[in-house]
Amino acid sequence: RTLEYLSRHLTYIASFSSTTNMHIRNLALVWAPNLLRSKEIEDSGCNGDAAFMEVRVQQVVIEFILNHVDEIFSRSPAAPISKRDCDDLLLPSKSAPS
């Protein structure tokens, strides 16, 4: 719920980009490192190029979420997810090697 609220709020802020120049891409750049922080990257002390690439990936993910906020956080899903579908996603397959 928090991600949905924040995403909708940032999309609302982006609607004023003609005044603020904070369109979705800029908002994604600013918010991505806080929303998708990578402990591995921070701990490794990676150089500027690797850090830049990491932030770029984070930015693209947040930008995608902001551009598709209504589809991602739809109040009426096309098909409800059954318990079996959830179990199939969460539990290892019986045919998979252990």
C-alpha atoms as a PDB file:
ATOM      1  CA  ARG A   1       0.000   0.000   0.000  1.00  0.00           C
ATOM      2  CA  THR A   2       2.841   2.382   0.757  1.00  0.00           C
ATOM      3  CA  LEU A   3       4.410   1.933  -2.673  1.00  0.00           C
ATOM      4  CA  GLU A   4       1.031   2.484  -4.302  1.00  0.00           C
ATOM      5  CA  TYR A   5       0.399   5.677  -2.337  1.00  0.00           C
ATOM      6  CA  LEU A   6       3.873   7.052  -3.030  1.00  0.00           C
ATOM      7  CA  SER A   7       3.691   6.094  -6.719  1.00  0.00           C
ATOM      8  CA  ARG A   8       0.338   7.794  -7.161  1.00  0.00           C
ATOM      9  CA  HIS A   9       1.602  10.871  -5.312  1.00  0.00           C
ATOM     10  CA  LEU A  10       4.740  11.087  -7.472  1.00  0.00           C
ATOM     11  CA  THR A  11       2.615  10.704 -10.600  1.00  0.00           C
ATOM     12  CA  TYR A  12       0.455  13.564  -9.336  1.00  0.00           C
ATOM     13  CA  ILE A  13       3.551  15.701  -8.745  1.00  0.00           C
ATOM     14  CA  ALA A  14       4.717  14.882 -12.282  1.00  0.00           C
ATOM     15  CA  SER A  15       1.469  16.353 -13.614  1.00  0.00           C
ATOM     16  CA  PHE A  16       2.905  19.769 -12.672  1.00  0.00           C
ATOM     17  CA  SER A  17       6.157  19.202 -14.572  1.00  0.00           C
ATOM     18  CA  SER A  18       5.561  22.196 -16.841  1.00  0.00           C
ATOM     19  CA  THR A  19       6.004  24.361 -13.734  1.00  0.00           C
ATOM     20  CA  THR A  20       8.410  22.302 -11.636  1.00  0.00           C
ATOM     21  CA  ASN A  21      10.416  20.489 -14.353  1.00  0.00           C
ATOM     22  CA  MET A  22      10.034  17.365 -12.205  1.00  0.00           C
ATOM     23  CA  HIS A  23       8.641  14.984 -14.776  1.00  0.00           C
ATOM     24  CA  ILE A  24       8.498  11.244 -14.203  1.00  0.00           C
ATOM     25  CA  ARG A  25      12.081  10.641 -15.341  1.00  0.00           C
ATOM     26  CA  ASN A  26      13.466  13.236 -12.905  1.00  0.00           C
ATOM     27  CA  LEU A  27      11.306  11.959 -10.053  1.00  0.00           C
ATOM     28  CA  ALA A  28      12.455   8.405 -10.770  1.00  0.00           C
ATOM     29  CA  LEU A  29      16.095   9.514 -10.722  1.00  0.00           C
ATOM     30  CA  VAL A  30      15.661  11.227  -7.350  1.00  0.00           C
ATOM     31  CA  TRP A  31      13.554   8.536  -5.660  1.00  0.00           C
ATOM     32  CA  ALA A  32      15.009   5.322  -7.135  1.00  0.00           C
ATOM     33  CA  PRO A  33      18.111   5.031  -4.917  1.00  0.00           C
ATOM     34  CA  ASN A  34      15.932   5.418  -1.819  1.00  0.00           C
ATOM     35  CA  LEU A  35      13.252   2.956  -2.916  1.00  0.00           C
ATOM     36  CA  LEU A  36      15.535   0.314  -4.419  1.00  0.00           C
ATOM     37  CA  ARG A  37      18.667   0.612  -2.310  1.00  0.00           C
ATOM     38  CA  SER A  38      21.203  -2.127  -2.993  1.00  0.00           C
ATOM     39  CA  LYS A  39      23.092  -3.179   0.129  1.00  0.00           C
ATOM     40  CA  GLU A  40      25.527  -5.222  -1.975  1.00  0.00           C
ATOM     41  CA  ILE A  41      26.497  -2.175  -4.018  1.00  0.00           C
ATOM     42  CA  GLU A  42      26.885  -0.026  -0.894  1.00  0.00           C
ATOM     43  CA  ASP A  43      28.969  -2.672   0.906  1.00  0.00           C
ATOM     44  CA  SER A  44      31.232  -3.328  -2.070  1.00  0.00           C
ATOM     45  CA  GLY A  45      32.161   0.341  -2.407  1.00  0.00           C
ATOM     46  CA  CYS A  46      31.834   0.086  -6.175  1.00  0.00           C
ATOM     47  CA  ASN A  47      33.421   2.689  -8.407  1.00  0.00           C
ATOM     48  CA  GLY A  48      31.594   5.520 -10.134  1.00  0.00           C
ATOM     49  CA  ASP A  49      30.752   3.598 -13.316  1.00  0.00           C
ATOM     50  CA  ALA A  50      29.232   0.624 -11.498  1.00  0.00           C
ATOM     51  CA  ALA A  51      27.318   2.896  -9.132  1.00  0.00           C
ATOM     52  CA  PHE A  52      26.000   4.910 -12.069  1.00  0.00           C
ATOM     53  CA  MET A  53      24.810   1.745 -13.826  1.00  0.00           C
ATOM     54  CA  GLU A  54      23.100   0.554 -10.640  1.00  0.00           C
ATOM     55  CA  VAL A  55      21.271   3.863 -10.229  1.00  0.00           C
ATOM     56  CA  ARG A  56      20.291   3.761 -13.898  1.00  0.00           C
ATOM     57  CA  VAL A  57      18.663   0.335 -13.468  1.00  0.00           C
ATOM     58  CA  GLN A  58      16.865   1.542 -10.343  1.00  0.00           C
ATOM     59  CA  GLN A  59      15.672   4.636 -12.210  1.00  0.00           C
ATOM     60  CA  VAL A  60      14.268   2.586 -15.095  1.00  0.00           C
ATOM     61  CA  VAL A  61      12.328   0.351 -12.692  1.00  0.00           C
ATOM     62  CA  ILE A  62      10.803   3.288 -10.794  1.00  0.00           C
ATOM     63  CA  GLU A  63      10.070   5.118 -14.048  1.00  0.00           C
ATOM     64  CA  PHE A  64       8.230   2.029 -15.310  1.00  0.00           C
ATOM     65  CA  ILE A  65       6.186   1.840 -12.104  1.00  0.00           C
ATOM     66  CA  LEU A  66       5.261   5.527 -12.324  1.00  0.00           C
ATOM     67  CA  ASN A  67       4.328   5.257 -16.000  1.00  0.00           C
ATOM     68  CA  HIS A  68       2.116   2.221 -15.323  1.00  0.00           C
ATOM     69  CA  VAL A  69       0.767   3.035 -11.870  1.00  0.00           C
ATOM     70  CA  ASP A  70      -2.874   2.420 -12.834  1.00  0.00           C
ATOM     71  CA  GLU A  71      -2.162  -0.979 -14.375  1.00  0.00           C
ATOM     72  CA  ILE A  72       0.128  -2.116 -11.571  1.00  0.00           C
ATOM     73  CA  PHE A  73      -2.139  -0.983  -8.742  1.00  0.00           C
ATOM     74  CA  SER A  74      -5.460  -1.749 -10.385  1.00  0.00           C
ATOM     75  CA  ARG A  75      -8.338  -2.068  -7.950  1.00  0.00           C
ATOM     76  CA  SER A  76     -10.028  -4.729 -10.087  1.00  0.00           C
ATOM     77  CA  PRO A  77      -7.603  -7.387 -11.277  1.00  0.00           C
ATOM     78  CA  ALA A  78      -8.439  -9.144 -14.535  1.00  0.00           C
ATOM     79  CA  ALA A  79      -8.443 -12.523 -12.824  1.00  0.00           C
ATOM     80  CA  PRO A  80      -8.134 -13.161  -9.109  1.00  0.00           C
ATOM     81  CA  ILE A  81      -5.110 -15.148  -8.034  1.00  0.00           C
ATOM     82  CA  SER A  82      -6.040 -18.433  -6.434  1.00  0.00           C
ATOM     83  CA  LYS A  83      -4.282 -19.945  -3.436  1.00  0.00           C
ATOM     84  CA  ARG A  84      -2.973 -22.686  -5.703  1.00  0.00           C
ATOM     85  CA  ASP A  85      -1.425 -20.125  -8.060  1.00  0.00           C
ATOM     86  CA  CYS A  86       0.266 -18.451  -5.092  1.00  0.00           C
ATOM     87  CA  ASP A  87       1.515 -21.788  -3.786  1.00  0.00           C
ATOM     88  CA  ASP A  88       2.908 -22.630  -7.225  1.00  0.00           C
ATOM     89  CA  LEU A  89       4.867 -19.382  -7.194  1.00  0.00           C
ATOM     90  CA  LEU A  90       6.124 -19.695  -3.623  1.00  0.00           C
ATOM     91  CA  LEU A  91       6.733 -23.414  -3.168  1.00  0.00           C
ATOM     92  CA  PRO A  92       9.438 -25.312  -5.043  1.00  0.00           C
ATOM     93  CA  SER A  93       8.176 -27.563  -7.794  1.00  0.00           C
ATOM     94  CA  LYS A  94       8.044 -31.279  -6.976  1.00  0.00           C
ATOM     95  CA  SER A  95       9.688 -32.045 -10.308  1.00  0.00           C
ATOM     96  CA  ALA A  96      12.549 -29.614  -9.708  1.00  0.00           C
ATOM     97  CA  PRO A  97      15.837 -31.153  -8.576  1.00  0.00           C
ATOM     98  CA  SER A  98      16.711 -30.520  -4.931  1.00  0.00           C
END
